[in-house]
Amino acid sequence: MRTARPLHLLARVCAALTVASALAIFAGGCSPHDSDNITIGVKFDQPGLSVKRPDGSLGGFDVEVARYIAARLGYPPDRITWIEAPSAQREMLLRNGQVDFVVATYSITDSRRQKVDFAGPYLLTGQSLLVRADNTEIDGTASLHRNKKLCSVSGSTPAQRIKDRYPGVQLQRYDTYSACVEALRNGAIDAVTTDDVILAGYAAQNPGIFKLVGDRFSQELYGIGVHKGNEGLRQRINEALEEMKRDGSWQAAFQDNFGPAGFPMPEPPQISR
């Protein structure tokens, strides 16, 4: 007569099988959530790139990229769940499985690659300066040595870069770029600095009020973050990005979101396979 297996052993076997099945699905590029929906992390507060409107809808270049990818993965707009992904929480959202992927001005860096994987890049940008439209004194980084007041966000790479490279600048650090832009509007500061596409979004939102000046003085490649080791999903996103470039959707999305600011359209960056 066969001896019955202890219940605790059966429970352990079932748990192991459940974990193995989940990992197999996740590694295959499927959603770690409800298979009928996909969850995407984006910013809620960056005009031109990703902003939540008063009616609750989302718009911007990053959002259009995310929607295009989701469609190519088989998820129409009504099957997308959007989650806010502030800069400091992007890795946590991915590692905890709270999102399937992140499209949130996510610069690809070596340190981040230790924690997550990246599809793309889908956009090349760099640090620049935003001033009031009537400003004639600031035309680039050389102007910053004239005791100007410059605003960036606390704890950000752009703020640290200014501190390291331009010690003569009066650097003001606020919690958000929108607060910096409001200070620029009312004359409390002379310029705002961060990636040029972020600044272009604010300029487009305020036609005739602000302008970008000077050349970019860094290089940032925005990528799409996925859970570490999810090679299947990463490759499928890369394929969607390639198609977005081929059919002109990438170019149309860029023009729609940054054209009003007079921001020149760049070439889409080469995708890293």
Protein backbone atom coordinates (compact mmCIF):
# COMPACT_ATOMS: atom_id res chain seq x y z
CA MET A 1 0.00 0.00 0.00
CA ARG A 2 1.37 3.43 -1.00
CA THR A 3 2.02 5.74 1.91
CA ALA A 4 0.19 9.07 1.70
CA ARG A 5 2.47 12.06 1.37
CA PRO A 6 2.42 14.48 4.30
CA LEU A 7 0.24 17.51 3.66
CA HIS A 8 3.12 19.94 4.30
CA LEU A 9 5.19 18.21 1.59
CA LEU A 10 2.32 18.45 -0.91
CA ALA A 11 1.94 22.12 -0.07
CA ARG A 12 5.64 22.72 -0.71
CA VAL A 13 5.47 20.91 -4.05
CA CYS A 14 2.41 22.90 -5.15
CA ALA A 15 4.03 26.15 -4.09
CA ALA A 16 7.17 25.31 -6.03
CA LEU A 17 5.14 24.48 -9.13
CA THR A 18 3.19 27.73 -8.81
CA VAL A 19 6.39 29.77 -8.53
CA ALA A 20 7.96 27.92 -11.47
CA SER A 21 4.89 28.55 -13.62
CA ALA A 22 4.84 32.22 -12.72
CA LEU A 23 8.51 32.60 -13.51
CA ALA A 24 8.08 30.84 -16.85
CA ILE A 25 5.27 33.22 -17.82
CA PHE A 26 7.22 36.25 -16.64
CA ALA A 27 10.37 35.21 -18.49
CA GLY A 28 8.35 34.69 -21.64
CA GLY A 29 7.41 38.34 -21.75
CA CYS A 30 3.84 38.04 -20.48
CA SER A 31 2.30 40.26 -17.86
CA PRO A 32 3.07 39.46 -14.20
CA HIS A 33 -0.45 40.77 -13.48
CA ASP A 34 -3.84 39.86 -14.93
CA SER A 35 -3.10 38.49 -18.41
CA ASP A 36 -6.04 40.51 -19.76
CA ASN A 37 -4.33 43.81 -18.87
CA ILE A 38 -0.91 45.41 -18.88
CA THR A 39 0.41 47.84 -16.26
CA ILE A 40 2.75 50.65 -17.30
CA GLY A 41 4.66 53.12 -15.14
CA VAL A 42 4.86 56.73 -16.38
CA LYS A 43 5.38 60.21 -14.98
CA PHE A 44 2.29 62.30 -14.22
CA ASP A 45 3.89 65.75 -14.12
CA GLN A 46 6.05 66.38 -17.21
CA PRO A 47 4.31 68.32 -20.02
CA GLY A 48 5.25 67.12 -23.48
CA LEU A 49 6.53 63.80 -22.16
CA SER A 50 3.98 62.46 -19.71
CA VAL A 51 1.36 64.46 -17.86
CA LYS A 52 -1.94 63.69 -16.18
CA ARG A 53 -4.57 66.15 -17.37
CA PRO A 54 -7.34 67.63 -15.17
CA ASP A 55 -9.83 65.14 -16.64
CA GLY A 56 -7.61 62.23 -15.57
CA SER A 57 -6.38 61.33 -19.05
CA LEU A 58 -2.69 61.03 -19.86
CA GLY A 59 -0.79 62.63 -22.71
CA GLY A 60 2.76 63.20 -23.95
CA PHE A 61 5.49 61.57 -25.99
CA ASP A 62 6.32 58.91 -23.40
CA VAL A 63 2.63 58.04 -23.10
CA GLU A 64 2.27 57.69 -26.88
CA VAL A 65 5.34 55.44 -27.00
CA ALA A 66 3.91 53.33 -24.18
CA ARG A 67 0.51 53.02 -25.89
CA TYR A 68 2.12 52.02 -29.18
CA ILE A 69 4.17 49.30 -27.49
CA ALA A 70 1.15 48.03 -25.58
CA ALA A 71 -0.84 47.79 -28.82
CA ARG A 72 1.92 45.77 -30.46
CA LEU A 73 1.91 43.46 -27.45
CA GLY A 74 -1.83 42.94 -27.89
CA TYR A 75 -3.23 45.42 -25.34
CA PRO A 76 -5.60 48.15 -26.60
CA PRO A 77 -5.95 51.38 -24.57
CA ASP A 78 -8.84 50.07 -22.47
CA ARG A 79 -6.64 47.23 -21.21
CA ILE A 80 -3.81 49.46 -19.96
CA THR A 81 -3.46 50.32 -16.27
CA TRP A 82 -1.30 53.39 -15.65
CA ILE A 83 0.77 53.78 -12.48
CA GLU A 84 2.70 56.90 -11.52
CA ALA A 85 6.45 56.20 -11.57
CA PRO A 86 8.41 58.99 -9.85
CA SER A 87 12.15 58.85 -10.52
CA ALA A 88 13.03 57.45 -7.11
CA GLN A 89 10.46 54.62 -7.36
CA ARG A 90 11.04 53.23 -10.86
CA GLU A 91 13.37 50.38 -9.87
CA MET A 92 11.15 49.41 -6.94
CA LEU A 93 8.03 49.24 -9.13
CA LEU A 94 9.81 46.91 -11.55
CA ARG A 95 11.50 44.72 -8.99
CA ASN A 96 8.26 44.29 -7.00
CA GLY A 97 6.32 43.36 -10.14
CA GLN A 98 3.93 46.28 -9.75
CA VAL A 99 4.39 47.28 -13.40
CA ASP A 100 5.22 45.41 -16.60
CA PHE A 101 7.44 48.15 -17.93
CA VAL A 102 8.35 51.79 -17.26
CA VAL A 103 8.43 54.66 -19.78
CA ALA A 104 9.33 57.65 -17.61
CA THR A 105 12.30 59.74 -18.84
CA TYR A 106 14.38 56.77 -17.65
CA SER A 107 18.03 57.43 -18.53
CA ILE A 108 20.03 54.28 -19.19
CA THR A 109 23.02 54.11 -16.83
CA ASP A 110 25.42 51.38 -15.75
CA SER A 111 24.25 51.55 -12.14
CA ARG A 112 20.60 51.13 -13.15
CA ARG A 113 21.48 48.18 -15.38
CA GLN A 114 22.53 46.35 -12.23
CA LYS A 115 18.91 46.48 -11.02
CA VAL A 116 16.71 46.41 -14.16
CA ASP A 117 17.00 45.74 -17.89
CA PHE A 118 16.32 48.30 -20.61
CA ALA A 119 14.70 48.15 -24.02
CA GLY A 120 15.54 50.92 -26.46
CA PRO A 121 16.80 53.57 -26.24
CA TYR A 122 13.89 55.43 -27.79
CA LEU A 123 15.05 59.04 -27.29
CA LEU A 124 18.37 60.91 -27.13
CA THR A 125 18.35 64.05 -25.03
CA GLY A 126 20.68 66.15 -22.89
CA GLN A 127 20.82 68.90 -20.30
CA SER A 128 19.96 72.42 -21.43
CA LEU A 129 18.61 75.77 -20.19
CA LEU A 130 15.15 77.35 -20.17
CA VAL A 131 14.79 81.14 -19.80
CA ARG A 132 12.05 83.73 -20.23
CA ALA A 133 11.41 84.61 -23.86
CA ASP A 134 12.59 88.20 -23.39
CA ASN A 135 15.89 87.22 -21.75
CA THR A 136 18.94 88.40 -23.74
CA GLU A 137 21.62 87.82 -21.08
CA ILE A 138 21.68 84.01 -20.98
CA ASP A 139 22.58 82.23 -24.22
CA GLY A 140 24.35 79.14 -22.92
CA THR A 141 26.43 77.74 -20.10
CA ALA A 142 29.09 80.47 -20.41
CA SER A 143 26.45 82.96 -19.27
CA LEU A 144 26.00 81.10 -16.00
CA HIS A 145 29.24 82.53 -14.60
CA ARG A 146 27.59 85.95 -14.36
CA ASN A 147 26.08 85.25 -10.94
CA LYS A 148 22.78 84.04 -12.36
CA LYS A 149 20.15 82.21 -10.33
CA LEU A 150 19.56 78.74 -11.75
CA CYS A 151 16.89 76.27 -10.66
CA SER A 152 16.84 72.48 -10.77
CA VAL A 153 15.32 69.67 -8.71
CA SER A 154 16.78 68.46 -5.42
CA GLY A 155 18.71 65.20 -5.76
CA SER A 156 18.69 65.28 -9.56
CA THR A 157 21.60 64.57 -11.89
CA PRO A 158 21.22 68.01 -13.58
CA ALA A 159 21.48 69.81 -10.22
CA GLN A 160 24.61 67.85 -9.28
CA ARG A 161 26.16 68.54 -12.68
CA ILE A 162 25.66 72.29 -12.23
CA LYS A 163 27.14 72.13 -8.73
CA ASP A 164 30.20 70.24 -9.97
CA ARG A 165 30.88 72.18 -13.16
CA TYR A 166 29.64 75.70 -12.46
CA PRO A 167 30.45 76.59 -8.84
CA GLY A 168 29.83 80.32 -9.46
CA VAL A 169 26.14 79.78 -10.16
CA GLN A 170 23.51 80.51 -7.52
CA LEU A 171 21.81 77.12 -7.64
CA GLN A 172 18.27 76.97 -6.29
CA ARG A 173 16.89 73.47 -5.70
CA TYR A 174 13.14 72.90 -5.66
CA ASP A 175 11.10 69.72 -5.27
CA THR A 176 9.68 69.74 -8.81
CA TYR A 177 10.47 71.24 -12.19
CA SER A 178 7.01 72.77 -12.32
CA ALA A 179 7.95 74.78 -9.21
CA CYS A 180 11.15 75.87 -10.95
CA VAL A 181 9.19 76.96 -14.02
CA GLU A 182 6.77 78.97 -11.90
CA ALA A 183 9.73 80.69 -10.19
CA LEU A 184 11.13 81.46 -13.65
CA ARG A 185 7.80 82.92 -14.71
CA ASN A 186 7.62 85.33 -11.76
CA GLY A 187 11.28 86.35 -11.98
CA ALA A 188 12.51 84.67 -8.80
CA ILE A 189 15.17 82.81 -10.80
CA ASP A 190 16.89 83.41 -14.16
CA ALA A 191 16.89 79.94 -15.73
CA VAL A 192 15.80 76.32 -15.26
CA THR A 193 17.99 73.37 -16.18
CA THR A 194 17.24 69.72 -16.91
CA ASP A 195 16.98 67.55 -20.06
CA ASP A 196 16.05 69.62 -23.10
CA VAL A 197 12.94 67.60 -24.01
CA ILE A 198 11.52 68.21 -20.53
CA LEU A 199 12.20 71.93 -20.91
CA ALA A 200 10.68 71.87 -24.41
CA GLY A 201 7.49 70.43 -22.93
CA TYR A 202 7.17 73.38 -20.55
CA ALA A 203 7.92 75.81 -23.38
CA ALA A 204 5.25 74.19 -25.56
CA GLN A 205 2.76 74.44 -22.69
CA ASN A 206 3.50 78.17 -22.40
CA PRO A 207 3.87 79.51 -25.97
CA GLY A 208 5.74 82.79 -26.17
CA ILE A 209 6.62 82.81 -22.47
CA PHE A 210 9.80 80.69 -22.37
CA LYS A 211 12.57 79.60 -24.73
CA LEU A 212 15.45 77.12 -24.74
CA VAL A 213 18.94 78.54 -25.18
CA GLY A 214 22.43 77.17 -25.82
CA ASP A 215 23.62 73.71 -26.73
CA ARG A 216 22.94 70.63 -24.62
CA PHE A 217 25.81 69.93 -22.24
CA SER A 218 25.25 66.27 -21.46
CA GLN A 219 23.91 63.20 -23.23
CA GLU A 220 21.07 61.07 -21.92
CA LEU A 221 19.54 58.00 -23.58
CA TYR A 222 15.99 57.26 -22.44
CA GLY A 223 15.17 53.57 -22.20
CA ILE A 224 12.17 51.45 -21.26
CA GLY A 225 12.70 49.63 -17.99
CA VAL A 226 11.70 45.98 -17.61
CA HIS A 227 12.15 43.46 -14.82
CA LYS A 228 15.73 42.17 -14.61
CA GLY A 229 16.09 39.02 -16.72
CA ASN A 230 12.87 39.43 -18.71
CA GLU A 231 14.62 39.12 -22.05
CA GLY A 232 11.49 38.04 -23.90
CA LEU A 233 9.60 41.22 -23.05
CA ARG A 234 12.66 43.39 -23.68
CA GLN A 235 13.04 42.02 -27.20
CA ARG A 236 9.33 42.39 -27.97
CA ILE A 237 9.46 46.04 -26.87
CA ASN A 238 12.52 46.59 -29.08
CA GLU A 239 10.62 45.15 -32.04
CA ALA A 240 7.71 47.50 -31.33
CA LEU A 241 10.07 50.49 -31.17
CA GLU A 242 11.60 49.52 -34.51
CA GLU A 243 8.13 49.34 -36.06
CA MET A 244 7.19 52.70 -34.52
CA LYS A 245 10.16 54.29 -36.29
CA ARG A 246 9.45 52.54 -39.59
CA ASP A 247 5.79 53.48 -39.88
CA GLY A 248 6.31 57.14 -38.89
CA SER A 249 4.44 56.97 -35.58
CA TRP A 250 7.56 57.95 -33.62
CA GLN A 251 8.07 61.07 -35.72
CA ALA A 252 4.38 62.01 -35.53
CA ALA A 253 4.34 61.65 -31.74
CA PHE A 254 7.43 63.82 -31.39
CA GLN A 255 6.01 66.56 -33.63
CA ASP A 256 2.66 66.56 -31.83
CA ASN A 257 4.25 67.00 -28.41
CA PHE A 258 7.30 69.17 -29.05
CA GLY A 259 6.58 70.94 -32.34
CA PRO A 260 4.75 73.86 -30.68
CA ALA A 261 7.95 74.68 -28.75
CA GLY A 262 9.96 74.90 -31.97
CA PHE A 263 12.07 71.98 -30.76
CA PRO A 264 13.88 70.35 -33.69
CA MET A 265 13.06 66.73 -34.33
CA PRO A 266 16.07 64.46 -33.70
CA GLU A 267 16.80 61.16 -35.37
CA PRO A 268 15.50 58.21 -33.35
CA PRO A 269 18.47 56.57 -31.61
CA GLN A 270 19.80 53.17 -32.59
CA ILE A 271 18.19 50.45 -30.52
CA SER A 272 20.53 48.23 -28.52
CA ARG A 273 19.76 44.57 -29.08
